[in-house]
Protein backbone atom coordinates (compact mmCIF):
# COMPACT_ATOMS: atom_id res chain seq x y z
CA MET A 1 -37.44 5.30 12.60
CA SER A 2 -37.76 8.94 13.60
CA SER A 3 -34.82 11.29 13.27
CA SER A 4 -35.24 12.02 16.98
CA THR A 5 -33.37 8.77 17.63
CA ALA A 6 -30.19 10.09 15.98
CA PRO A 7 -28.87 11.96 19.03
CA VAL A 8 -29.55 8.91 21.17
CA HIS A 9 -27.53 6.53 19.02
CA ALA A 10 -24.81 9.11 18.37
CA GLY A 11 -24.51 10.00 22.04
CA GLU A 12 -24.34 6.37 23.11
CA LEU A 13 -21.67 5.59 20.55
CA ILE A 14 -19.60 8.65 21.42
CA ARG A 15 -19.71 7.76 25.13
CA LYS A 16 -18.65 4.18 24.36
CA PHE A 17 -15.78 5.43 22.22
CA GLU A 18 -14.60 7.95 24.81
CA LYS A 19 -14.78 5.33 27.60
CA ARG A 20 -13.25 2.77 25.19
CA THR A 21 -15.90 0.21 26.05
CA ALA A 22 -17.03 -0.17 22.45
CA ARG A 23 -16.48 -3.41 20.59
CA VAL A 24 -14.53 -2.78 17.40
CA GLY A 25 -14.53 -5.00 14.32
CA VAL A 26 -11.84 -4.57 11.67
CA VAL A 27 -12.58 -6.32 8.38
CA GLY A 28 -9.44 -7.20 6.44
CA LEU A 29 -6.31 -8.06 8.41
CA GLY A 30 -3.69 -6.96 5.91
CA TYR A 31 -1.21 -4.09 5.85
CA VAL A 32 -3.91 -1.59 6.85
CA GLY A 33 -6.30 -3.58 9.00
CA LEU A 34 -3.93 -5.43 11.33
CA PRO A 35 -1.98 -2.32 12.45
CA LEU A 36 -5.28 -0.47 13.00
CA ALA A 37 -6.71 -3.36 15.03
CA VAL A 38 -3.57 -3.44 17.17
CA GLU A 39 -3.75 0.31 17.85
CA LYS A 40 -7.41 0.06 18.87
CA ALA A 41 -6.67 -2.83 21.22
CA LYS A 42 -3.65 -1.07 22.72
CA VAL A 43 -5.82 1.77 24.06
CA GLY A 44 -8.36 -0.58 25.61
CA PHE A 45 -10.97 -1.44 22.99
CA GLN A 46 -12.11 -5.03 22.61
CA VAL A 47 -11.23 -5.83 18.99
CA VAL A 48 -12.22 -8.60 16.62
CA GLY A 49 -10.44 -8.81 13.28
CA PHE A 50 -12.40 -10.39 10.44
CA ASP A 51 -10.78 -12.08 7.46
CA ARG A 52 -11.67 -14.80 4.95
CA ASN A 53 -8.05 -15.97 5.01
CA ALA A 54 -7.96 -18.84 7.50
CA ALA A 55 -4.18 -18.66 7.83
CA ARG A 56 -4.33 -15.01 8.89
CA VAL A 57 -7.08 -15.73 11.42
CA ALA A 58 -5.13 -18.62 12.89
CA SER A 59 -1.93 -16.56 13.08
CA VAL A 60 -3.61 -13.69 14.93
CA ASN A 61 -5.30 -16.04 17.39
CA LEU A 62 -1.92 -17.62 18.12
CA GLY A 63 -0.38 -14.18 18.61
CA VAL A 64 1.88 -14.74 15.60
CA ASN A 65 2.59 -11.59 13.59
CA TYR A 66 2.91 -11.50 9.77
CA ILE A 67 3.02 -7.74 9.11
CA GLU A 68 6.41 -6.08 9.51
CA ASP A 69 4.95 -2.77 10.74
CA VAL A 70 3.32 -4.55 13.71
CA VAL A 71 5.49 -5.24 16.76
CA ASP A 72 5.54 -8.98 17.42
CA ALA A 73 5.44 -8.62 21.21
CA GLU A 74 2.53 -6.15 21.11
CA LEU A 75 0.34 -8.48 19.08
CA ARG A 76 1.23 -11.45 21.25
CA ASP A 77 0.48 -9.56 24.47
CA LEU A 78 -2.84 -8.16 23.21
CA VAL A 79 -4.05 -11.57 22.03
CA LEU A 80 -2.64 -13.99 24.58
CA ASP A 81 -2.09 -11.96 27.76
CA HIS A 82 -4.58 -9.09 27.76
CA LYS A 83 -7.24 -10.93 25.71
CA ARG A 84 -8.26 -7.67 24.02
CA MET A 85 -7.88 -8.88 20.46
CA GLU A 86 -8.89 -11.91 18.43
CA ALA A 87 -9.62 -12.84 14.81
CA SER A 88 -12.59 -14.56 13.25
CA SER A 89 -14.07 -15.69 9.94
CA GLU A 90 -17.59 -15.80 11.35
CA TRP A 91 -19.51 -12.93 9.76
CA GLY A 92 -22.35 -13.36 12.22
CA ARG A 93 -20.19 -11.77 14.88
CA LEU A 94 -20.41 -8.42 13.06
CA ALA A 95 -23.71 -7.93 14.89
CA GLU A 96 -21.77 -7.77 18.18
CA MET A 97 -19.64 -4.84 17.03
CA ASP A 98 -20.32 -1.19 17.87
CA ALA A 99 -17.86 -0.03 15.21
CA ILE A 100 -17.00 -1.82 11.97
CA VAL A 101 -14.00 -0.64 9.94
CA ILE A 102 -13.65 -1.97 6.38
CA CYS A 103 -10.03 -2.34 5.21
CA VAL A 104 -10.23 -4.60 2.16
CA PRO A 105 -8.42 -4.34 -1.21
CA THR A 106 -9.71 -2.15 -4.02
CA PRO A 107 -7.90 -3.47 -7.11
CA LEU A 108 -8.33 -2.58 -10.77
CA THR A 109 -9.72 -4.71 -13.57
CA ARG A 110 -7.58 -5.54 -16.59
CA ASN A 111 -9.05 -2.43 -18.23
CA LEU A 112 -7.89 -0.17 -15.37
CA THR A 113 -11.41 0.35 -14.03
CA PRO A 114 -12.36 0.12 -10.32
CA ASP A 115 -13.07 -3.32 -8.91
CA LEU A 116 -15.15 -2.89 -5.75
CA GLN A 117 -16.13 -6.54 -5.41
CA PHE A 118 -14.47 -6.91 -2.01
CA VAL A 119 -15.92 -3.69 -0.61
CA GLU A 120 -19.40 -4.56 -1.86
CA ALA A 121 -19.20 -8.15 -0.57
CA VAL A 122 -18.17 -7.04 2.91
CA THR A 123 -20.81 -4.30 2.97
CA ARG A 124 -23.49 -6.88 2.17
CA GLU A 125 -22.23 -9.03 5.04
CA VAL A 126 -22.43 -6.01 7.33
CA ALA A 127 -25.93 -5.17 6.07
CA ARG A 128 -27.19 -8.66 6.94
CA ARG A 129 -26.23 -8.01 10.60
CA LEU A 130 -26.72 -4.25 10.76
CA ARG A 131 -28.52 -3.04 13.88
CA PRO A 132 -29.39 0.38 15.28
CA GLY A 133 -26.49 2.05 17.06
CA GLN A 134 -23.62 0.83 14.90
CA PHE A 135 -20.88 2.86 13.21
CA VAL A 136 -19.39 1.77 9.86
CA SER A 137 -16.24 3.28 8.39
CA LEU A 138 -14.62 2.54 5.03
CA GLU A 139 -10.83 2.94 4.84
CA SER A 140 -10.18 1.28 1.49
CA THR A 141 -9.00 3.75 -1.15
CA THR A 142 -11.66 4.43 -3.76
CA TYR A 143 -13.18 7.05 -6.04
CA PRO A 144 -15.14 10.06 -4.72
CA GLY A 145 -18.73 9.03 -4.15
CA THR A 146 -18.23 5.38 -3.17
CA THR A 147 -19.36 5.77 0.45
CA GLU A 148 -22.63 7.48 -0.39
CA GLU A 149 -23.31 5.90 -3.79
CA VAL A 150 -22.31 2.29 -3.07
CA ILE A 151 -21.99 1.64 0.68
CA LYS A 152 -24.92 3.70 1.96
CA PRO A 153 -27.58 2.23 -0.37
CA ILE A 154 -26.57 -1.34 0.53
CA LEU A 155 -26.79 -0.55 4.26
CA GLU A 156 -30.05 1.37 3.90
CA SER A 157 -31.62 -1.51 1.97
CA THR A 158 -32.15 -2.99 5.44
CA GLY A 159 -34.67 -0.25 6.24
CA LEU A 160 -32.29 1.42 8.67
CA ARG A 161 -31.24 5.01 7.92
CA GLU A 162 -27.80 6.65 8.01
CA GLY A 163 -27.63 9.39 10.64
CA GLU A 164 -30.68 8.01 12.42
CA ASP A 165 -30.11 4.31 13.01
CA PHE A 166 -26.48 3.83 12.03
CA HIS A 167 -23.54 6.10 11.24
CA LEU A 168 -21.29 5.98 8.18
CA ALA A 169 -17.94 7.57 7.37
CA PHE A 170 -14.93 7.37 5.10
CA SER A 171 -11.44 7.76 6.54
CA PRO A 172 -8.69 6.81 4.09
CA GLU A 173 -5.77 4.76 5.30
CA ARG A 174 -2.41 6.49 5.23
CA VAL A 175 -0.15 3.51 5.74
CA ASP A 176 3.47 3.78 4.61
CA PRO A 177 4.95 0.28 5.04
CA GLY A 178 8.45 0.31 6.46
CA ASN A 179 8.23 3.90 7.71
CA LYS A 180 9.63 3.91 11.25
CA ARG A 181 8.82 7.56 11.90
CA PHE A 182 5.17 7.77 10.84
CA THR A 183 2.90 5.01 12.14
CA THR A 184 -0.85 4.48 12.37
CA ARG A 185 -0.98 6.51 15.58
CA ASN A 186 1.06 9.59 14.65
CA THR A 187 -0.02 9.97 11.00
CA SER A 188 -2.76 12.60 10.72
CA LYS A 189 -6.07 11.12 9.61
CA VAL A 190 -8.70 12.69 7.37
CA VAL A 191 -12.31 11.88 8.25
CA GLY A 192 -15.41 12.62 6.18
CA ALA A 193 -18.91 11.29 6.74
CA ALA A 194 -22.26 10.80 5.07
CA GLY A 195 -23.89 13.35 7.40
CA PRO A 196 -23.21 15.64 10.39
CA SER A 197 -24.24 13.13 13.04
CA SER A 198 -22.04 10.47 11.45
CA LEU A 199 -19.12 12.91 11.42
CA GLU A 200 -19.42 13.51 15.17
CA VAL A 201 -19.39 9.78 15.80
CA ALA A 202 -16.47 9.19 13.42
CA LEU A 203 -14.35 11.91 15.02
CA ALA A 204 -14.97 10.46 18.49
CA PHE A 205 -13.95 7.01 17.22
CA TYR A 206 -10.70 8.00 15.55
CA ARG A 207 -9.57 10.50 18.17
CA GLN A 208 -9.08 7.66 20.65
CA THR A 209 -6.11 6.30 18.71
CA ILE A 210 -4.93 8.93 16.24
CA GLN A 211 -3.00 11.97 17.44
CA GLU A 212 -4.39 14.37 14.85
CA VAL A 213 -7.78 13.88 13.18
CA VAL A 214 -8.69 16.20 10.31
CA PRO A 215 -12.45 16.54 9.66
CA VAL A 216 -13.69 17.45 6.19
CA SER A 217 -17.17 18.37 4.99
CA SER A 218 -18.16 15.08 3.38
CA SER A 219 -17.11 11.53 2.60
CA ARG A 220 -16.64 12.59 -1.05
CA VAL A 221 -14.05 15.16 -0.01
CA ALA A 222 -12.20 12.57 2.08
CA GLU A 223 -12.25 10.13 -0.84
CA MET A 224 -10.86 12.81 -3.15
CA VAL A 225 -8.12 13.66 -0.64
CA LYS A 226 -6.82 10.11 -0.70
CA VAL A 227 -6.77 9.64 -4.46
CA PHE A 228 -5.16 13.07 -4.87
CA GLU A 229 -2.36 12.16 -2.42
CA ASN A 230 -1.46 9.10 -4.44
CA THR A 231 -1.95 10.84 -7.77
CA PHE A 232 0.46 13.55 -6.63
CA ARG A 233 3.13 10.92 -6.04
CA SER A 234 2.37 9.06 -9.26
CA VAL A 235 2.66 12.19 -11.40
CA ASN A 236 5.91 13.36 -9.81
CA ILE A 237 7.49 9.90 -9.94
CA ALA A 238 6.53 9.74 -13.62
CA LEU A 239 8.24 13.09 -14.18
CA VAL A 240 11.57 11.89 -12.77
CA ASN A 241 11.20 8.53 -14.54
CA GLU A 242 10.80 10.36 -17.84
CA LEU A 243 13.78 12.54 -16.93
CA ALA A 244 15.80 9.38 -16.26
CA MET A 245 14.96 8.01 -19.73
CA LEU A 246 15.91 11.34 -21.32
CA CYS A 247 19.18 11.55 -19.37
CA ASP A 248 20.00 8.02 -20.49
CA ARG A 249 19.50 9.11 -24.10
CA MET A 250 21.65 12.24 -23.53
CA ASP A 251 24.35 10.36 -21.59
CA LEU A 252 23.74 12.37 -18.41
CA ASP A 253 23.66 11.11 -14.82
CA VAL A 254 20.08 11.66 -13.67
CA TRP A 255 21.08 11.22 -10.04
CA GLU A 256 23.62 14.03 -10.26
CA VAL A 257 20.97 16.24 -11.89
CA LEU A 258 18.43 15.52 -9.13
CA ASP A 259 20.96 16.01 -6.32
CA ALA A 260 21.99 19.37 -7.70
CA ALA A 261 18.39 20.47 -8.28
CA GLY A 262 17.58 19.46 -4.71
CA THR A 263 19.96 22.08 -3.31
CA LYS A 264 17.43 24.79 -4.21
CA PRO A 265 15.85 25.82 -0.89
CA PHE A 266 12.39 26.46 -2.33
CA GLY A 267 10.08 25.39 -5.15
CA ILE A 268 11.20 21.77 -5.44
CA MET A 269 10.54 18.45 -3.72
CA PRO A 270 12.64 15.26 -3.87
CA PHE A 271 11.30 12.48 -6.08
CA TYR A 272 13.50 9.76 -7.52
CA PRO A 273 13.33 7.41 -10.52
CA GLY A 274 13.31 3.64 -10.37
CA PRO A 275 12.17 0.51 -12.19
CA GLY A 276 8.52 1.57 -11.91
CA VAL A 277 5.95 2.03 -9.16
CA GLY A 278 4.42 -0.66 -6.99
CA GLY A 279 2.44 -1.43 -3.88
CA HIS A 280 -1.27 -1.27 -3.18
CA CYS A 281 -1.70 2.48 -3.82
CA ILE A 282 0.26 4.42 -6.41
CA PRO A 283 -0.09 2.07 -9.43
CA LEU A 284 -3.84 1.70 -8.81
CA ASP A 285 -5.51 4.58 -7.02
CA PRO A 286 -5.02 7.38 -9.58
CA HIS A 287 -6.99 5.29 -12.07
CA TYR A 288 -9.97 5.35 -9.71
CA LEU A 289 -10.05 9.12 -10.09
CA GLU A 290 -9.42 8.86 -13.83
CA TRP A 291 -12.41 6.52 -14.17
CA LYS A 292 -14.72 8.67 -12.04
CA ALA A 293 -13.78 11.80 -13.99
CA ARG A 294 -15.31 10.33 -17.15
CA GLU A 295 -18.72 10.51 -15.48
CA PHE A 296 -18.29 14.29 -15.59
CA ASN A 297 -17.00 14.31 -19.19
CA PHE A 298 -13.56 15.23 -17.91
CA ASN A 299 -10.27 13.85 -19.22
CA THR A 300 -7.54 13.58 -16.55
CA ARG A 301 -4.58 13.75 -18.90
CA PHE A 302 -1.86 14.03 -16.24
CA ILE A 303 -3.05 10.83 -14.54
CA ALA A 304 -3.20 8.85 -17.78
CA LEU A 305 0.22 10.07 -18.93
CA ALA A 306 1.84 9.39 -15.56
CA GLY A 307 0.50 5.86 -15.55
CA GLU A 308 1.76 5.30 -19.08
CA ILE A 309 5.27 6.53 -18.24
CA ASN A 310 5.52 4.53 -15.02
CA ARG A 311 4.32 1.35 -16.75
CA ARG A 312 7.11 1.78 -19.33
CA MET A 313 9.88 1.63 -16.75
CA PRO A 314 10.23 -2.17 -16.38
CA GLU A 315 10.70 -2.48 -20.16
CA PHE A 316 13.20 0.38 -20.05
CA VAL A 317 15.20 -1.37 -17.31
CA VAL A 318 15.29 -4.63 -19.27
CA GLY A 319 16.34 -2.73 -22.39
CA LYS A 320 19.15 -1.08 -20.50
CA ALA A 321 20.22 -4.45 -19.09
CA MET A 322 20.45 -5.77 -22.66
CA ARG A 323 22.55 -2.76 -23.68
CA VAL A 324 25.05 -2.96 -20.83
CA LEU A 325 25.50 -6.69 -21.46
CA SER A 326 25.90 -6.06 -25.19
CA ASP A 327 28.58 -3.43 -24.50
CA ARG A 328 30.59 -6.24 -22.91
CA GLY A 329 29.97 -8.69 -25.73
CA LEU A 330 27.18 -10.61 -23.98
CA GLY A 331 23.58 -11.28 -24.91
CA LEU A 332 20.64 -11.35 -22.51
CA ARG A 333 19.47 -14.74 -23.75
CA SER A 334 21.09 -17.40 -21.55
CA ALA A 335 22.86 -14.73 -19.48
CA ARG A 336 22.90 -15.33 -15.72
CA VAL A 337 21.15 -12.42 -14.01
CA LEU A 338 20.90 -11.93 -10.26
CA VAL A 339 18.10 -9.60 -9.21
CA LEU A 340 18.48 -7.81 -5.87
CA GLY A 341 15.10 -6.96 -4.38
CA LEU A 342 11.54 -7.94 -5.35
CA ALA A 343 9.61 -5.91 -2.76
CA TYR A 344 8.01 -2.81 -4.25
CA LYS A 345 9.98 -0.53 -1.89
CA LYS A 346 12.89 -0.73 0.51
CA ASP A 347 12.69 -2.56 3.83
CA VAL A 348 9.21 -4.10 3.36
CA ASP A 349 8.00 -7.60 2.52
CA ASP A 350 5.27 -6.46 0.15
CA ALA A 351 5.66 -7.48 -3.51
CA ARG A 352 2.18 -6.39 -4.65
CA GLU A 353 2.31 -4.67 -8.05
CA SER A 354 6.09 -4.71 -7.69
CA PRO A 355 8.01 -3.37 -10.68
CA GLY A 356 10.86 -5.61 -9.61
CA ALA A 357 8.69 -8.66 -10.09
CA GLU A 358 7.71 -7.40 -13.55
CA VAL A 359 11.36 -6.86 -14.50
CA LEU A 360 12.16 -10.37 -13.31
CA GLY A 361 9.36 -11.80 -15.46
CA LEU A 362 10.51 -9.85 -18.51
CA LEU A 363 14.09 -11.08 -18.05
CA VAL A 364 12.89 -14.69 -17.89
CA ALA A 365 10.69 -14.17 -20.95
CA ARG A 366 13.72 -12.98 -22.90
CA GLY A 367 15.68 -16.12 -22.09
CA ALA A 368 17.83 -14.98 -19.18
CA ARG A 369 18.61 -17.40 -16.36
CA VAL A 370 17.41 -15.43 -13.37
CA GLU A 371 17.80 -15.78 -9.63
CA TYR A 372 16.85 -13.25 -6.99
CA HIS A 373 17.85 -12.24 -3.50
CA ASP A 374 15.49 -10.39 -1.17
CA PRO A 375 15.84 -10.70 2.63
CA HIS A 376 12.21 -9.62 3.03
CA VAL A 377 10.60 -11.77 0.30
CA PRO A 378 11.83 -15.36 0.79
CA ARG A 379 9.61 -16.80 -1.95
CA TYR A 380 7.96 -15.39 -5.05
CA GLY A 381 5.37 -16.93 -7.34
CA ASP A 382 3.00 -15.45 -9.91
CA GLY A 383 1.42 -18.54 -11.46
CA ARG A 384 4.22 -18.91 -13.98
CA LEU A 385 7.29 -18.55 -11.78
CA ASP A 386 7.99 -20.14 -8.42
CA LEU A 387 11.32 -18.92 -7.05
CA ARG A 388 13.06 -18.79 -3.71
CA SER A 389 15.46 -16.10 -2.61
CA VAL A 390 19.08 -17.22 -2.88
CA ALA A 391 21.80 -16.34 -0.41
CA LEU A 392 23.86 -13.28 -1.31
CA THR A 393 27.29 -14.92 -1.46
CA GLU A 394 30.55 -14.28 -3.29
CA SER A 395 29.77 -17.27 -5.50
CA ALA A 396 26.26 -16.05 -6.41
CA LEU A 397 27.62 -12.63 -7.34
CA ASP A 398 30.61 -13.97 -9.27
CA LEU A 399 28.49 -16.42 -11.27
CA ALA A 400 26.11 -13.70 -12.44
CA ASP A 401 26.84 -11.96 -15.73
CA LEU A 402 24.74 -9.05 -14.44
CA VAL A 403 23.41 -8.02 -11.04
CA VAL A 404 20.35 -5.74 -11.20
CA ILE A 405 19.45 -3.75 -8.07
CA LEU A 406 15.68 -3.24 -8.14
CA THR A 407 14.94 -2.57 -4.45
CA ASP A 408 17.39 -0.70 -2.23
CA HIS A 409 16.93 -2.64 1.01
CA SER A 410 18.97 -1.21 3.89
CA ASP A 411 20.20 -4.61 5.06
CA VAL A 412 22.06 -5.43 1.84
CA ASP A 413 25.83 -4.79 1.80
CA TYR A 414 26.22 -2.95 -1.49
CA ALA A 415 29.98 -2.55 -1.05
CA PHE A 416 30.13 -6.36 -0.91
CA VAL A 417 27.98 -6.54 -4.04
CA LEU A 418 30.24 -4.16 -6.00
CA ARG A 419 33.35 -5.92 -4.79
CA HIS A 420 32.32 -9.36 -6.02
CA ALA A 421 29.96 -8.77 -8.96
CA ARG A 422 31.19 -8.61 -12.54
CA LEU A 423 28.64 -6.00 -13.62
CA VAL A 424 25.94 -4.12 -11.69
CA LEU A 425 22.93 -2.16 -12.98
CA ASP A 426 21.65 -0.03 -10.10
CA THR A 427 18.13 1.30 -10.71
CA ARG A 428 17.76 2.86 -7.23
CA ASN A 429 21.13 4.55 -6.64
CA ALA A 430 21.61 2.12 -3.76
CA THR A 431 25.38 2.33 -4.33
CA ARG A 432 25.40 6.06 -3.66
CA GLY A 433 28.48 7.10 -1.71
CA LEU A 434 30.52 4.01 -2.53
CA LYS A 435 33.86 4.90 -4.11
CA ALA A 436 35.48 1.55 -4.84
CA ASP A 437 34.75 -0.75 -7.80
CA ARG A 438 32.54 1.75 -9.63
CA ASP A 439 34.10 0.70 -12.93
CA ARG A 440 31.68 -2.24 -12.97
CA LEU A 441 28.66 -0.13 -12.06
CA VAL A 442 25.97 1.33 -14.36
CA LEU A 443 23.27 3.61 -12.94
CA LEU A 444 19.72 3.88 -14.25
């Protein structure tokens, strides 16, 4: 097809986006995809969410929400009342879409190398239905080069050409689960594309729902932006985690050190230690960059070291639990341990890559009798364990030889915990500000 068709397709798409008459498909209805689909439907787009998970599809079509960052009433109204949103497992319907946004997981293999099987599988499904005049955007975090080296060749294997027949971009998700201040709409969004025509189309698409859209010169730049953002957090969290281990060795309170350092009005940012890092980004994404760097004969030492330090934290927490029990004449084997929090961060229901879950598994492996309480994670299973959250009662606290706080959920009464527990190991400084009963408290 001649390049003279590019302005035609681009112009048509841009007009559809600006008038919000375009049909939008969002592939992957998880923590990224469902909130994005809701935002698109809220401003008037007709949205179809695609997912292989039949339970998710059924829930959306019933107007039943399963993501805490989505407002229940908004989803219900969009699906049942306004009829602007639905879900489907029928890949053939991708041909109906003017815009297709890919929001699927990008995990790591056991060897910490990128696993793009979900991205590639979805792209092949898109390619089978690709038609002139469509826009495809990848939001899944990945290494620089994925959009043009992996996605584009699959789509162009159809004979259609990027920038002429279809348009292709990368715009990394910036979802922070549980954040009430920054949402999909008011979090600035970086957009890079495979070519100038695709960038124009991508900007028109995202500007309909995002308050600030930040264009960059290429999809590779946008991909690098995302992995750098998460690497920045990983490295700085590793720094304070290493500081916490050193302060433990030196018998210093790491939290007091960090609070005092934080009073400096310049040259420092707040990062805090914990039992490790979790979620779908920080434990995984830096390794995408580490892997890609090897192609250029470059060793990303900070990334590797940060990952090593952060992966040591669950073992460190279990070791400290053994020590604080031993100081009171108790052994970890057969000890009753109550874990508070399995979600990877406060006030979310997401236990993916959770360091809390790893600590729980290590405690069980060492012979402890473990229960957990998490108001956001009612059940936890990993193939070996199948546990349900227990009620946080006086009896549950009193029966435990040790209570370990692994996630600092806001809706847990930590004064109540300190009042009724025999011994508490707080890895998150959740008990900060409490004055009473600190004689039974040990901080990370």
